[in-house]
mmCIF file of all heavy atoms, coordinates in Angstrom:
data_MODEL
# 
_entry.id   MODEL 
# 
loop_
_atom_site.group_PDB 
_atom_site.id 
_atom_site.type_symbol 
_atom_site.label_atom_id 
_atom_site.label_alt_id 
_atom_site.label_comp_id 
_atom_site.label_asym_id 
_atom_site.label_entity_id 
_atom_site.label_seq_id 
_atom_site.pdbx_PDB_ins_code 
_atom_site.Cartn_x 
_atom_site.Cartn_y 
_atom_site.Cartn_z 
_atom_site.occupancy 
_atom_site.B_iso_or_equiv 
_atom_site.pdbx_formal_charge 
_atom_site.auth_seq_id 
_atom_site.auth_comp_id 
_atom_site.auth_asym_id 
_atom_site.auth_atom_id 
_atom_site.pdbx_PDB_model_num 
ATOM 1   N N   . TYR A 1 1  ? 0.813  -1.318  -0.011  1.00 0.00 ? 1  TYR A N   1 
ATOM 2   C CA  . TYR A 1 1  ? 0.019  0.025   0.030   1.00 0.00 ? 1  TYR A CA  1 
ATOM 3   C C   . TYR A 1 1  ? 0.882  1.237   -0.087  1.00 0.00 ? 1  TYR A C   1 
ATOM 4   O O   . TYR A 1 1  ? 0.266  2.335   -0.096  1.00 0.00 ? 1  TYR A O   1 
ATOM 5   C CB  . TYR A 1 1  ? -0.970 -0.012  1.235   1.00 0.00 ? 1  TYR A CB  1 
ATOM 6   C CG  . TYR A 1 1  ? -2.075 -0.951  1.173   1.00 0.00 ? 1  TYR A CG  1 
ATOM 7   C CD1 . TYR A 1 1  ? -1.965 -2.204  1.715   1.00 0.00 ? 1  TYR A CD1 1 
ATOM 8   C CD2 . TYR A 1 1  ? -3.152 -0.877  0.294   1.00 0.00 ? 1  TYR A CD2 1 
ATOM 9   C CE1 . TYR A 1 1  ? -2.813 -3.214  1.638   1.00 0.00 ? 1  TYR A CE1 1 
ATOM 10  C CE2 . TYR A 1 1  ? -4.020 -1.792  -0.038  1.00 0.00 ? 1  TYR A CE2 1 
ATOM 11  C CZ  . TYR A 1 1  ? -3.956 -3.011  0.729   1.00 0.00 ? 1  TYR A CZ  1 
ATOM 12  O OH  . TYR A 1 1  ? -4.936 -3.899  0.573   1.00 0.00 ? 1  TYR A OH  1 
ATOM 13  N N   . ARG A 1 2  ? 2.132  1.197   0.080   1.00 0.00 ? 2  ARG A N   1 
ATOM 14  C CA  . ARG A 1 2  ? 3.020  2.375   -0.003  1.00 0.00 ? 2  ARG A CA  1 
ATOM 15  C C   . ARG A 1 2  ? 3.009  2.905   -1.361  1.00 0.00 ? 2  ARG A C   1 
ATOM 16  O O   . ARG A 1 2  ? 2.724  2.181   -2.298  1.00 0.00 ? 2  ARG A O   1 
ATOM 17  C CB  . ARG A 1 2  ? 4.407  2.049   0.652   1.00 0.00 ? 2  ARG A CB  1 
ATOM 18  C CG  . ARG A 1 2  ? 5.151  1.174   -0.222  1.00 0.00 ? 2  ARG A CG  1 
ATOM 19  C CD  . ARG A 1 2  ? 6.629  1.114   0.417   1.00 0.00 ? 2  ARG A CD  1 
ATOM 20  N NE  . ARG A 1 2  ? 7.578  0.944   -0.633  1.00 0.00 ? 2  ARG A NE  1 
ATOM 21  C CZ  . ARG A 1 2  ? 8.291  0.006   -0.862  1.00 0.00 ? 2  ARG A CZ  1 
ATOM 22  N NH1 . ARG A 1 2  ? 8.117  -1.232  -0.130  1.00 0.00 ? 2  ARG A NH1 1 
ATOM 23  N NH2 . ARG A 1 2  ? 9.067  -0.188  -1.915  1.00 0.00 ? 2  ARG A NH2 1 
ATOM 24  N N   . TYR A 1 3  ? 3.447  4.055   -1.405  1.00 0.00 ? 3  TYR A N   1 
ATOM 25  C CA  . TYR A 1 3  ? 3.656  4.751   -2.727  1.00 0.00 ? 3  TYR A CA  1 
ATOM 26  C C   . TYR A 1 3  ? 4.628  4.000   -3.601  1.00 0.00 ? 3  TYR A C   1 
ATOM 27  O O   . TYR A 1 3  ? 5.670  3.712   -3.125  1.00 0.00 ? 3  TYR A O   1 
ATOM 28  C CB  . TYR A 1 3  ? 3.921  6.267   -2.692  1.00 0.00 ? 3  TYR A CB  1 
ATOM 29  C CG  . TYR A 1 3  ? 4.120  6.903   -3.961  1.00 0.00 ? 3  TYR A CG  1 
ATOM 30  C CD1 . TYR A 1 3  ? 3.027  7.200   -4.759  1.00 0.00 ? 3  TYR A CD1 1 
ATOM 31  C CD2 . TYR A 1 3  ? 5.424  7.262   -4.416  1.00 0.00 ? 3  TYR A CD2 1 
ATOM 32  C CE1 . TYR A 1 3  ? 3.239  7.815   -6.128  1.00 0.00 ? 3  TYR A CE1 1 
ATOM 33  C CE2 . TYR A 1 3  ? 5.573  7.903   -5.599  1.00 0.00 ? 3  TYR A CE2 1 
ATOM 34  C CZ  . TYR A 1 3  ? 4.544  8.169   -6.412  1.00 0.00 ? 3  TYR A CZ  1 
ATOM 35  O OH  . TYR A 1 3  ? 4.576  8.715   -7.676  1.00 0.00 ? 3  TYR A OH  1 
ATOM 36  N N   . ASN A 1 4  ? 4.423  3.664   -4.864  1.00 0.00 ? 4  ASN A N   1 
ATOM 37  C CA  . ASN A 1 4  ? 5.194  3.070   -5.829  1.00 0.00 ? 4  ASN A CA  1 
ATOM 38  C C   . ASN A 1 4  ? 5.904  1.801   -5.203  1.00 0.00 ? 4  ASN A C   1 
ATOM 39  O O   . ASN A 1 4  ? 7.151  1.727   -5.140  1.00 0.00 ? 4  ASN A O   1 
ATOM 40  C CB  . ASN A 1 4  ? 6.344  4.082   -6.176  1.00 0.00 ? 4  ASN A CB  1 
ATOM 41  C CG  . ASN A 1 4  ? 7.049  3.741   -7.478  1.00 0.00 ? 4  ASN A CG  1 
ATOM 42  O OD1 . ASN A 1 4  ? 6.718  2.703   -8.123  1.00 0.00 ? 4  ASN A OD1 1 
ATOM 43  N ND2 . ASN A 1 4  ? 8.173  4.208   -7.889  1.00 0.00 ? 4  ASN A ND2 1 
ATOM 44  N N   . PRO A 1 5  ? 5.012  0.742   -5.049  1.00 0.00 ? 5  PRO A N   1 
ATOM 45  C CA  . PRO A 1 5  ? 5.739  -0.535  -4.499  1.00 0.00 ? 5  PRO A CA  1 
ATOM 46  C C   . PRO A 1 5  ? 6.560  -1.167  -5.573  1.00 0.00 ? 5  PRO A C   1 
ATOM 47  O O   . PRO A 1 5  ? 6.372  -0.835  -6.745  1.00 0.00 ? 5  PRO A O   1 
ATOM 48  C CB  . PRO A 1 5  ? 4.474  -1.245  -4.181  1.00 0.00 ? 5  PRO A CB  1 
ATOM 49  C CG  . PRO A 1 5  ? 3.243  -0.664  -4.661  1.00 0.00 ? 5  PRO A CG  1 
ATOM 50  C CD  . PRO A 1 5  ? 3.617  0.812   -5.117  1.00 0.00 ? 5  PRO A CD  1 
ATOM 51  N N   . ARG A 1 6  ? 7.528  -1.999  -5.130  1.00 0.00 ? 6  ARG A N   1 
ATOM 52  C CA  . ARG A 1 6  ? 8.456  -2.553  -6.019  1.00 0.00 ? 6  ARG A CA  1 
ATOM 53  C C   . ARG A 1 6  ? 7.726  -3.518  -6.986  1.00 0.00 ? 6  ARG A C   1 
ATOM 54  O O   . ARG A 1 6  ? 6.962  -4.487  -6.434  1.00 0.00 ? 6  ARG A O   1 
ATOM 55  C CB  . ARG A 1 6  ? 9.556  -3.333  -5.261  1.00 0.00 ? 6  ARG A CB  1 
ATOM 56  C CG  . ARG A 1 6  ? 10.630 -3.973  -6.008  1.00 0.00 ? 6  ARG A CG  1 
ATOM 57  C CD  . ARG A 1 6  ? 11.791 -4.543  -5.313  1.00 0.00 ? 6  ARG A CD  1 
ATOM 58  N NE  . ARG A 1 6  ? 12.429 -3.458  -4.481  1.00 0.00 ? 6  ARG A NE  1 
ATOM 59  C CZ  . ARG A 1 6  ? 13.360 -2.668  -5.023  1.00 0.00 ? 6  ARG A CZ  1 
ATOM 60  N NH1 . ARG A 1 6  ? 13.726 -2.742  -6.367  1.00 0.00 ? 6  ARG A NH1 1 
ATOM 61  N NH2 . ARG A 1 6  ? 13.947 -1.732  -4.331  1.00 0.00 ? 6  ARG A NH2 1 
ATOM 62  N N   . PRO A 1 7  ? 7.871  -3.574  -8.383  1.00 0.00 ? 7  PRO A N   1 
ATOM 63  C CA  . PRO A 1 7  ? 7.337  -4.420  -9.176  1.00 0.00 ? 7  PRO A CA  1 
ATOM 64  C C   . PRO A 1 7  ? 7.916  -5.886  -9.037  1.00 0.00 ? 7  PRO A C   1 
ATOM 65  O O   . PRO A 1 7  ? 9.072  -6.008  -8.753  1.00 0.00 ? 7  PRO A O   1 
ATOM 66  C CB  . PRO A 1 7  ? 7.502  -3.871  -10.473 1.00 0.00 ? 7  PRO A CB  1 
ATOM 67  C CG  . PRO A 1 7  ? 8.593  -2.936  -10.418 1.00 0.00 ? 7  PRO A CG  1 
ATOM 68  C CD  . PRO A 1 7  ? 8.618  -2.507  -8.978  1.00 0.00 ? 7  PRO A CD  1 
ATOM 69  N N   . ARG A 1 8  ? 7.042  -6.841  -9.461  1.00 0.00 ? 8  ARG A N   1 
ATOM 70  C CA  . ARG A 1 8  ? 7.607  -8.258  -9.474  1.00 0.00 ? 8  ARG A CA  1 
ATOM 71  C C   . ARG A 1 8  ? 6.904  -9.031  -10.597 1.00 0.00 ? 8  ARG A C   1 
ATOM 72  O O   . ARG A 1 8  ? 5.757  -8.728  -10.942 1.00 0.00 ? 8  ARG A O   1 
ATOM 73  C CB  . ARG A 1 8  ? 7.472  -8.954  -8.108  1.00 0.00 ? 8  ARG A CB  1 
ATOM 74  C CG  . ARG A 1 8  ? 5.851  -9.151  -7.797  1.00 0.00 ? 8  ARG A CG  1 
ATOM 75  C CD  . ARG A 1 8  ? 5.641  -10.126 -6.570  1.00 0.00 ? 8  ARG A CD  1 
ATOM 76  N NE  . ARG A 1 8  ? 4.269  -10.391 -6.493  1.00 0.00 ? 8  ARG A NE  1 
ATOM 77  C CZ  . ARG A 1 8  ? 3.668  -10.765 -5.416  1.00 0.00 ? 8  ARG A CZ  1 
ATOM 78  N NH1 . ARG A 1 8  ? 4.214  -10.640 -4.296  1.00 0.00 ? 8  ARG A NH1 1 
ATOM 79  N NH2 . ARG A 1 8  ? 2.350  -11.068 -5.522  1.00 0.00 ? 8  ARG A NH2 1 
ATOM 80  N N   . LEU A 1 9  ? 7.653  -9.893  -11.062 1.00 0.00 ? 9  LEU A N   1 
ATOM 81  C CA  . LEU A 1 9  ? 7.020  -10.823 -12.229 1.00 0.00 ? 9  LEU A CA  1 
ATOM 82  C C   . LEU A 1 9  ? 6.288  -12.042 -11.465 1.00 0.00 ? 9  LEU A C   1 
ATOM 83  O O   . LEU A 1 9  ? 6.816  -12.545 -10.513 1.00 0.00 ? 9  LEU A O   1 
ATOM 84  C CB  . LEU A 1 9  ? 8.148  -11.352 -13.011 1.00 0.00 ? 9  LEU A CB  1 
ATOM 85  C CG  . LEU A 1 9  ? 8.908  -10.427 -13.853 1.00 0.00 ? 9  LEU A CG  1 
ATOM 86  C CD1 . LEU A 1 9  ? 10.033 -11.056 -14.729 1.00 0.00 ? 9  LEU A CD1 1 
ATOM 87  C CD2 . LEU A 1 9  ? 8.010  -9.801  -14.792 1.00 0.00 ? 9  LEU A CD2 1 
ATOM 88  N N   . ASP A 1 10 ? 5.065  -12.144 -11.988 1.00 0.00 ? 10 ASP A N   1 
ATOM 89  C CA  . ASP A 1 10 ? 4.225  -13.119 -11.364 1.00 0.00 ? 10 ASP A CA  1 
ATOM 90  C C   . ASP A 1 10 ? 4.255  -14.590 -12.095 1.00 0.00 ? 10 ASP A C   1 
ATOM 91  O O   . ASP A 1 10 ? 3.857  -15.617 -11.493 1.00 0.00 ? 10 ASP A O   1 
ATOM 92  C CB  . ASP A 1 10 ? 2.773  -12.746 -11.287 1.00 0.00 ? 10 ASP A CB  1 
ATOM 93  C CG  . ASP A 1 10 ? 2.675  -11.538 -10.390 1.00 0.00 ? 10 ASP A CG  1 
ATOM 94  O OD1 . ASP A 1 10 ? 3.452  -11.353 -9.419  1.00 0.00 ? 10 ASP A OD1 1 
ATOM 95  O OD2 . ASP A 1 10 ? 1.730  -10.568 -10.685 1.00 0.00 ? 10 ASP A OD2 1 
ATOM 96  N N   . LYS A 1 11 ? 4.711  -14.643 -13.404 1.00 0.00 ? 11 LYS A N   1 
ATOM 97  C CA  . LYS A 1 11 ? 4.798  -15.876 -14.037 1.00 0.00 ? 11 LYS A CA  1 
ATOM 98  C C   . LYS A 1 11 ? 5.981  -15.882 -14.982 1.00 0.00 ? 11 LYS A C   1 
ATOM 99  O O   . LYS A 1 11 ? 6.576  -14.939 -15.208 1.00 0.00 ? 11 LYS A O   1 
ATOM 100 C CB  . LYS A 1 11 ? 3.485  -15.932 -14.968 1.00 0.00 ? 11 LYS A CB  1 
ATOM 101 C CG  . LYS A 1 11 ? 2.114  -16.191 -14.176 1.00 0.00 ? 11 LYS A CG  1 
ATOM 102 C CD  . LYS A 1 11 ? 1.071  -16.649 -15.172 1.00 0.00 ? 11 LYS A CD  1 
ATOM 103 C CE  . LYS A 1 11 ? -0.266 -16.928 -14.195 1.00 0.00 ? 11 LYS A CE  1 
ATOM 104 N NZ  . LYS A 1 11 ? -1.195 -17.456 -14.949 1.00 0.00 ? 11 LYS A NZ  1 
ATOM 105 N N   . SER A 1 12 ? 6.380  -17.059 -15.285 1.00 0.00 ? 12 SER A N   1 
ATOM 106 C CA  . SER A 1 12 ? 7.587  -17.246 -16.042 1.00 0.00 ? 12 SER A CA  1 
ATOM 107 C C   . SER A 1 12 ? 7.414  -16.706 -17.488 1.00 0.00 ? 12 SER A C   1 
ATOM 108 O O   . SER A 1 12 ? 6.371  -16.478 -17.952 1.00 0.00 ? 12 SER A O   1 
ATOM 109 C CB  . SER A 1 12 ? 7.857  -18.764 -16.163 1.00 0.00 ? 12 SER A CB  1 
ATOM 110 O OG  . SER A 1 12 ? 7.060  -19.470 -17.016 1.00 0.00 ? 12 SER A OG  1 
ATOM 111 N N   . GLU A 1 13 ? 8.570  -16.649 -18.149 1.00 0.00 ? 13 GLU A N   1 
ATOM 112 C CA  . GLU A 1 13 ? 8.684  -16.258 -19.560 1.00 0.00 ? 13 GLU A CA  1 
ATOM 113 C C   . GLU A 1 13 ? 7.787  -17.173 -20.333 1.00 0.00 ? 13 GLU A C   1 
ATOM 114 O O   . GLU A 1 13 ? 6.964  -16.666 -21.219 1.00 0.00 ? 13 GLU A O   1 
ATOM 115 C CB  . GLU A 1 13 ? 10.080 -16.315 -20.008 1.00 0.00 ? 13 GLU A CB  1 
ATOM 116 C CG  . GLU A 1 13 ? 10.358 -15.872 -21.427 1.00 0.00 ? 13 GLU A CG  1 
ATOM 117 C CD  . GLU A 1 13 ? 11.797 -16.004 -21.726 1.00 0.00 ? 13 GLU A CD  1 
ATOM 118 O OE1 . GLU A 1 13 ? 12.602 -15.350 -21.090 1.00 0.00 ? 13 GLU A OE1 1 
ATOM 119 O OE2 . GLU A 1 13 ? 12.153 -16.755 -22.637 1.00 0.00 ? 13 GLU A OE2 1 
ATOM 120 N N   . ASN A 1 14 ? 7.960  -18.524 -20.242 1.00 0.00 ? 14 ASN A N   1 
ATOM 121 C CA  . ASN A 1 14 ? 7.112  -19.420 -21.053 1.00 0.00 ? 14 ASN A CA  1 
ATOM 122 C C   . ASN A 1 14 ? 5.554  -19.243 -20.801 1.00 0.00 ? 14 ASN A C   1 
ATOM 123 O O   . ASN A 1 14 ? 4.875  -19.469 -21.736 1.00 0.00 ? 14 ASN A O   1 
ATOM 124 C CB  . ASN A 1 14 ? 7.630  -20.825 -20.755 1.00 0.00 ? 14 ASN A CB  1 
ATOM 125 C CG  . ASN A 1 14 ? 8.907  -21.026 -21.330 1.00 0.00 ? 14 ASN A CG  1 
ATOM 126 O OD1 . ASN A 1 14 ? 9.428  -20.422 -22.279 1.00 0.00 ? 14 ASN A OD1 1 
ATOM 127 N ND2 . ASN A 1 14 ? 9.616  -21.952 -20.824 1.00 0.00 ? 14 ASN A ND2 1 
ATOM 128 N N   . GLU A 1 15 ? 5.168  -19.098 -19.543 1.00 0.00 ? 15 GLU A N   1 
ATOM 129 C CA  . GLU A 1 15 ? 3.764  -18.850 -19.248 1.00 0.00 ? 15 GLU A CA  1 
ATOM 130 C C   . GLU A 1 15 ? 3.238  -17.628 -19.973 1.00 0.00 ? 15 GLU A C   1 
ATOM 131 O O   . GLU A 1 15 ? 1.991  -17.491 -20.078 1.00 0.00 ? 15 GLU A O   1 
ATOM 132 C CB  . GLU A 1 15 ? 3.595  -18.841 -17.716 1.00 0.00 ? 15 GLU A CB  1 
ATOM 133 C CG  . GLU A 1 15 ? 3.795  -20.088 -17.049 1.00 0.00 ? 15 GLU A CG  1 
ATOM 134 C CD  . GLU A 1 15 ? 3.795  -20.088 -15.567 1.00 0.00 ? 15 GLU A CD  1 
ATOM 135 O OE1 . GLU A 1 15 ? 4.591  -19.311 -15.045 1.00 0.00 ? 15 GLU A OE1 1 
ATOM 136 O OE2 . GLU A 1 15 ? 2.857  -20.770 -14.931 1.00 0.00 ? 15 GLU A OE2 1 
ATOM 137 N N   . THR A 1 16 ? 4.172  -16.631 -20.089 1.00 0.00 ? 16 THR A N   1 
ATOM 138 C CA  . THR A 1 16 ? 3.700  -15.293 -20.579 1.00 0.00 ? 16 THR A CA  1 
ATOM 139 C C   . THR A 1 16 ? 3.457  -15.277 -22.133 1.00 0.00 ? 16 THR A C   1 
ATOM 140 O O   . THR A 1 16 ? 2.722  -14.456 -22.625 1.00 0.00 ? 16 THR A O   1 
ATOM 141 C CB  . THR A 1 16 ? 4.662  -14.218 -20.210 1.00 0.00 ? 16 THR A CB  1 
ATOM 142 O OG1 . THR A 1 16 ? 4.736  -14.181 -18.805 1.00 0.00 ? 16 THR A OG1 1 
ATOM 143 C CG2 . THR A 1 16 ? 4.265  -12.838 -20.659 1.00 0.00 ? 16 THR A CG2 1 
ATOM 144 N N   . VAL A 1 17 ? 4.207  -16.085 -22.768 1.00 0.00 ? 17 VAL A N   1 
ATOM 145 C CA  . VAL A 1 17 ? 4.377  -16.036 -24.325 1.00 0.00 ? 17 VAL A CA  1 
ATOM 146 C C   . VAL A 1 17 ? 2.931  -15.949 -24.909 1.00 0.00 ? 17 VAL A C   1 
ATOM 147 O O   . VAL A 1 17 ? 2.553  -15.198 -25.895 1.00 0.00 ? 17 VAL A O   1 
ATOM 148 C CB  . VAL A 1 17 ? 5.136  -17.204 -24.856 1.00 0.00 ? 17 VAL A CB  1 
ATOM 149 C CG1 . VAL A 1 17 ? 4.963  -17.287 -26.347 1.00 0.00 ? 17 VAL A CG1 1 
ATOM 150 C CG2 . VAL A 1 17 ? 6.612  -17.043 -24.534 1.00 0.00 ? 17 VAL A CG2 1 
ATOM 151 N N   . SER A 1 18 ? 1.992  -16.896 -24.732 1.00 0.00 ? 18 SER A N   1 
ATOM 152 C CA  . SER A 1 18 ? 0.743  -16.933 -25.335 1.00 0.00 ? 18 SER A CA  1 
ATOM 153 C C   . SER A 1 18 ? -0.124 -15.793 -25.136 1.00 0.00 ? 18 SER A C   1 
ATOM 154 O O   . SER A 1 18 ? -0.885 -15.355 -25.948 1.00 0.00 ? 18 SER A O   1 
ATOM 155 C CB  . SER A 1 18 ? 0.045  -18.269 -24.943 1.00 0.00 ? 18 SER A CB  1 
ATOM 156 O OG  . SER A 1 18 ? -0.243 -18.275 -23.688 1.00 0.00 ? 18 SER A OG  1 
ATOM 157 N N   . CYS A 1 19 ? -0.107 -15.272 -23.867 1.00 0.00 ? 19 CYS A N   1 
ATOM 158 C CA  . CYS A 1 19 ? -0.947 -14.121 -23.530 1.00 0.00 ? 19 CYS A CA  1 
ATOM 159 C C   . CYS A 1 19 ? -0.353 -12.855 -24.124 1.00 0.00 ? 19 CYS A C   1 
ATOM 160 O O   . CYS A 1 19 ? -1.048 -11.960 -24.695 1.00 0.00 ? 19 CYS A O   1 
ATOM 161 C CB  . CYS A 1 19 ? -0.991 -13.919 -22.042 1.00 0.00 ? 19 CYS A CB  1 
ATOM 162 S SG  . CYS A 1 19 ? -1.634 -15.411 -21.241 1.00 0.00 ? 19 CYS A SG  1 
ATOM 163 N N   . PHE A 1 20 ? 0.956  -12.649 -24.202 1.00 0.00 ? 20 PHE A N   1 
ATOM 164 C CA  . PHE A 1 20 ? 1.710  -11.537 -24.979 1.00 0.00 ? 20 PHE A CA  1 
ATOM 165 C C   . PHE A 1 20 ? 1.302  -11.641 -26.436 1.00 0.00 ? 20 PHE A C   1 
ATOM 166 O O   . PHE A 1 20 ? 0.857  -10.709 -26.960 1.00 0.00 ? 20 PHE A O   1 
ATOM 167 C CB  . PHE A 1 20 ? 3.131  -11.716 -24.723 1.00 0.00 ? 20 PHE A CB  1 
ATOM 168 C CG  . PHE A 1 20 ? 3.939  -10.593 -25.357 1.00 0.00 ? 20 PHE A CG  1 
ATOM 169 C CD1 . PHE A 1 20 ? 4.354  -9.502  -24.645 1.00 0.00 ? 20 PHE A CD1 1 
ATOM 170 C CD2 . PHE A 1 20 ? 4.299  -10.711 -26.670 1.00 0.00 ? 20 PHE A CD2 1 
ATOM 171 C CE1 . PHE A 1 20 ? 4.886  -8.307  -25.200 1.00 0.00 ? 20 PHE A CE1 1 
ATOM 172 C CE2 . PHE A 1 20 ? 5.061  -9.597  -27.295 1.00 0.00 ? 20 PHE A CE2 1 
ATOM 173 C CZ  . PHE A 1 20 ? 5.379  -8.497  -26.534 1.00 0.00 ? 20 PHE A CZ  1 
ATOM 174 N N   . ARG A 1 21 ? 1.313  -12.817 -26.996 1.00 0.00 ? 21 ARG A N   1 
ATOM 175 C CA  . ARG A 1 21 ? 1.050  -13.106 -28.419 1.00 0.00 ? 21 ARG A CA  1 
ATOM 176 C C   . ARG A 1 21 ? -0.394 -12.620 -28.569 1.00 0.00 ? 21 ARG A C   1 
ATOM 177 O O   . ARG A 1 21 ? -0.810 -11.985 -29.597 1.00 0.00 ? 21 ARG A O   1 
ATOM 178 C CB  . ARG A 1 21 ? 1.284  -14.521 -28.833 1.00 0.00 ? 21 ARG A CB  1 
ATOM 179 C CG  . ARG A 1 21 ? 1.003  -14.808 -30.203 1.00 0.00 ? 21 ARG A CG  1 
ATOM 180 C CD  . ARG A 1 21 ? 1.263  -16.231 -30.529 1.00 0.00 ? 21 ARG A CD  1 
ATOM 181 N NE  . ARG A 1 21 ? 2.814  -16.528 -30.412 1.00 0.00 ? 21 ARG A NE  1 
ATOM 182 C CZ  . ARG A 1 21 ? 3.651  -16.213 -31.361 1.00 0.00 ? 21 ARG A CZ  1 
ATOM 183 N NH1 . ARG A 1 21 ? 3.254  -15.602 -32.432 1.00 0.00 ? 21 ARG A NH1 1 
ATOM 184 N NH2 . ARG A 1 21 ? 4.846  -16.384 -31.173 1.00 0.00 ? 21 ARG A NH2 1 
ATOM 185 N N   . ALA A 1 22 ? -1.427 -13.050 -27.754 1.00 0.00 ? 22 ALA A N   1 
ATOM 186 C CA  . ALA A 1 22 ? -2.800 -12.766 -27.897 1.00 0.00 ? 22 ALA A CA  1 
ATOM 187 C C   . ALA A 1 22 ? -3.043 -11.227 -27.840 1.00 0.00 ? 22 ALA A C   1 
ATOM 188 O O   . ALA A 1 22 ? -3.789 -10.674 -28.630 1.00 0.00 ? 22 ALA A O   1 
ATOM 189 C CB  . ALA A 1 22 ? -3.545 -13.425 -26.838 1.00 0.00 ? 22 ALA A CB  1 
ATOM 190 N N   . HIS A 1 23 ? -2.372 -10.541 -27.005 1.00 0.00 ? 23 HIS A N   1 
ATOM 191 C CA  . HIS A 1 23 ? -2.396 -9.140  -26.911 1.00 0.00 ? 23 HIS A CA  1 
ATOM 192 C C   . HIS A 1 23 ? -2.022 -8.403  -28.292 1.00 0.00 ? 23 HIS A C   1 
ATOM 193 O O   . HIS A 1 23 ? -2.785 -7.609  -28.777 1.00 0.00 ? 23 HIS A O   1 
ATOM 194 C CB  . HIS A 1 23 ? -1.551 -8.615  -25.751 1.00 0.00 ? 23 HIS A CB  1 
ATOM 195 C CG  . HIS A 1 23 ? -1.561 -7.013  -25.764 1.00 0.00 ? 23 HIS A CG  1 
ATOM 196 N ND1 . HIS A 1 23 ? -2.620 -6.231  -25.400 1.00 0.00 ? 23 HIS A ND1 1 
ATOM 197 C CD2 . HIS A 1 23 ? -0.522 -6.127  -26.085 1.00 0.00 ? 23 HIS A CD2 1 
ATOM 198 C CE1 . HIS A 1 23 ? -2.329 -4.975  -25.418 1.00 0.00 ? 23 HIS A CE1 1 
ATOM 199 N NE2 . HIS A 1 23 ? -1.058 -4.875  -25.850 1.00 0.00 ? 23 HIS A NE2 1 
ATOM 200 N N   . PHE A 1 24 ? -0.808 -8.791  -28.761 1.00 0.00 ? 24 PHE A N   1 
ATOM 201 C CA  . PHE A 1 24 ? -0.350 -8.149  -29.966 1.00 0.00 ? 24 PHE A CA  1 
ATOM 202 C C   . PHE A 1 24 ? -1.093 -8.623  -31.348 1.00 0.00 ? 24 PHE A C   1 
ATOM 203 O O   . PHE A 1 24 ? -1.192 -7.871  -32.207 1.00 0.00 ? 24 PHE A O   1 
ATOM 204 C CB  . PHE A 1 24 ? 1.131  -8.114  -30.051 1.00 0.00 ? 24 PHE A CB  1 
ATOM 205 C CG  . PHE A 1 24 ? 1.722  -7.030  -29.151 1.00 0.00 ? 24 PHE A CG  1 
ATOM 206 C CD1 . PHE A 1 24 ? 2.367  -7.347  -28.106 1.00 0.00 ? 24 PHE A CD1 1 
ATOM 207 C CD2 . PHE A 1 24 ? 1.589  -5.742  -29.599 1.00 0.00 ? 24 PHE A CD2 1 
ATOM 208 C CE1 . PHE A 1 24 ? 2.895  -6.321  -27.249 1.00 0.00 ? 24 PHE A CE1 1 
ATOM 209 C CE2 . PHE A 1 24 ? 2.113  -4.619  -28.917 1.00 0.00 ? 24 PHE A CE2 1 
ATOM 210 C CZ  . PHE A 1 24 ? 2.788  -5.102  -27.761 1.00 0.00 ? 24 PHE A CZ  1 
ATOM 211 N N   . GLU A 1 25 ? -1.554 -9.857  -31.246 1.00 0.00 ? 25 GLU A N   1 
ATOM 212 C CA  . GLU A 1 25 ? -2.382 -10.190 -32.403 1.00 0.00 ? 25 GLU A CA  1 
ATOM 213 C C   . GLU A 1 25 ? -3.634 -9.454  -32.569 1.00 0.00 ? 25 GLU A C   1 
ATOM 214 O O   . GLU A 1 25 ? -3.956 -8.982  -33.628 1.00 0.00 ? 25 GLU A O   1 
ATOM 215 C CB  . GLU A 1 25 ? -2.618 -11.668 -32.322 1.00 0.00 ? 25 GLU A CB  1 
ATOM 216 C CG  . GLU A 1 25 ? -1.449 -12.511 -32.624 1.00 0.00 ? 25 GLU A CG  1 
ATOM 217 C CD  . GLU A 1 25 ? -1.656 -14.051 -32.576 1.00 0.00 ? 25 GLU A CD  1 
ATOM 218 O OE1 . GLU A 1 25 ? -2.846 -14.440 -32.164 1.00 0.00 ? 25 GLU A OE1 1 
ATOM 219 O OE2 . GLU A 1 25 ? -0.682 -14.815 -32.791 1.00 0.00 ? 25 GLU A OE2 1 
ATOM 220 N N   . GLU A 1 26 ? -4.223 -9.080  -31.358 1.00 0.00 ? 26 GLU A N   1 
ATOM 221 C CA  . GLU A 1 26 ? -5.455 -8.138  -31.378 1.00 0.00 ? 26 GLU A CA  1 
ATOM 222 C C   . GLU A 1 26 ? -4.997 -6.798  -31.845 1.00 0.00 ? 26 GLU A C   1 
ATOM 223 O O   . GLU A 1 26 ? -5.705 -6.244  -32.642 1.00 0.00 ? 26 GLU A O   1 
ATOM 224 C CB  . GLU A 1 26 ? -6.058 -8.241  -30.057 1.00 0.00 ? 26 GLU A CB  1 
ATOM 225 C CG  . GLU A 1 26 ? -7.342 -7.365  -29.856 1.00 0.00 ? 26 GLU A CG  1 
ATOM 226 C CD  . GLU A 1 26 ? -8.521 -7.804  -30.690 1.00 0.00 ? 26 GLU A CD  1 
ATOM 227 O OE1 . GLU A 1 26 ? -8.525 -9.131  -31.027 1.00 0.00 ? 26 GLU A OE1 1 
ATOM 228 O OE2 . GLU A 1 26 ? -9.399 -7.191  -31.029 1.00 0.00 ? 26 GLU A OE2 1 
ATOM 229 N N   . GLN A 1 27 ? -3.853 -6.267  -31.368 1.00 0.00 ? 27 GLN A N   1 
ATOM 230 C CA  . GLN A 1 27 ? -3.458 -4.974  -31.700 1.00 0.00 ? 27 GLN A CA  1 
ATOM 231 C C   . GLN A 1 27 ? -3.178 -4.846  -33.129 1.00 0.00 ? 27 GLN A C   1 
ATOM 232 O O   . GLN A 1 27 ? -3.653 -3.991  -33.862 1.00 0.00 ? 27 GLN A O   1 
ATOM 233 C CB  . GLN A 1 27 ? -2.126 -4.562  -30.967 1.00 0.00 ? 27 GLN A CB  1 
ATOM 234 C CG  . GLN A 1 27 ? -2.397 -4.365  -29.496 1.00 0.00 ? 27 GLN A CG  1 
ATOM 235 C CD  . GLN A 1 27 ? -3.143 -3.249  -29.213 1.00 0.00 ? 27 GLN A CD  1 
ATOM 236 O OE1 . GLN A 1 27 ? -2.892 -2.042  -29.445 1.00 0.00 ? 27 GLN A OE1 1 
ATOM 237 N NE2 . GLN A 1 27 ? -4.385 -3.498  -28.740 1.00 0.00 ? 27 GLN A NE2 1 
# 
């Protein structure tokens, strides 16, 4: 809840690929 908390990755590179692809295919 503090201002500008430290970002963290929640899933691996491989788990992200299909969702990243879906985002840019729509774009």
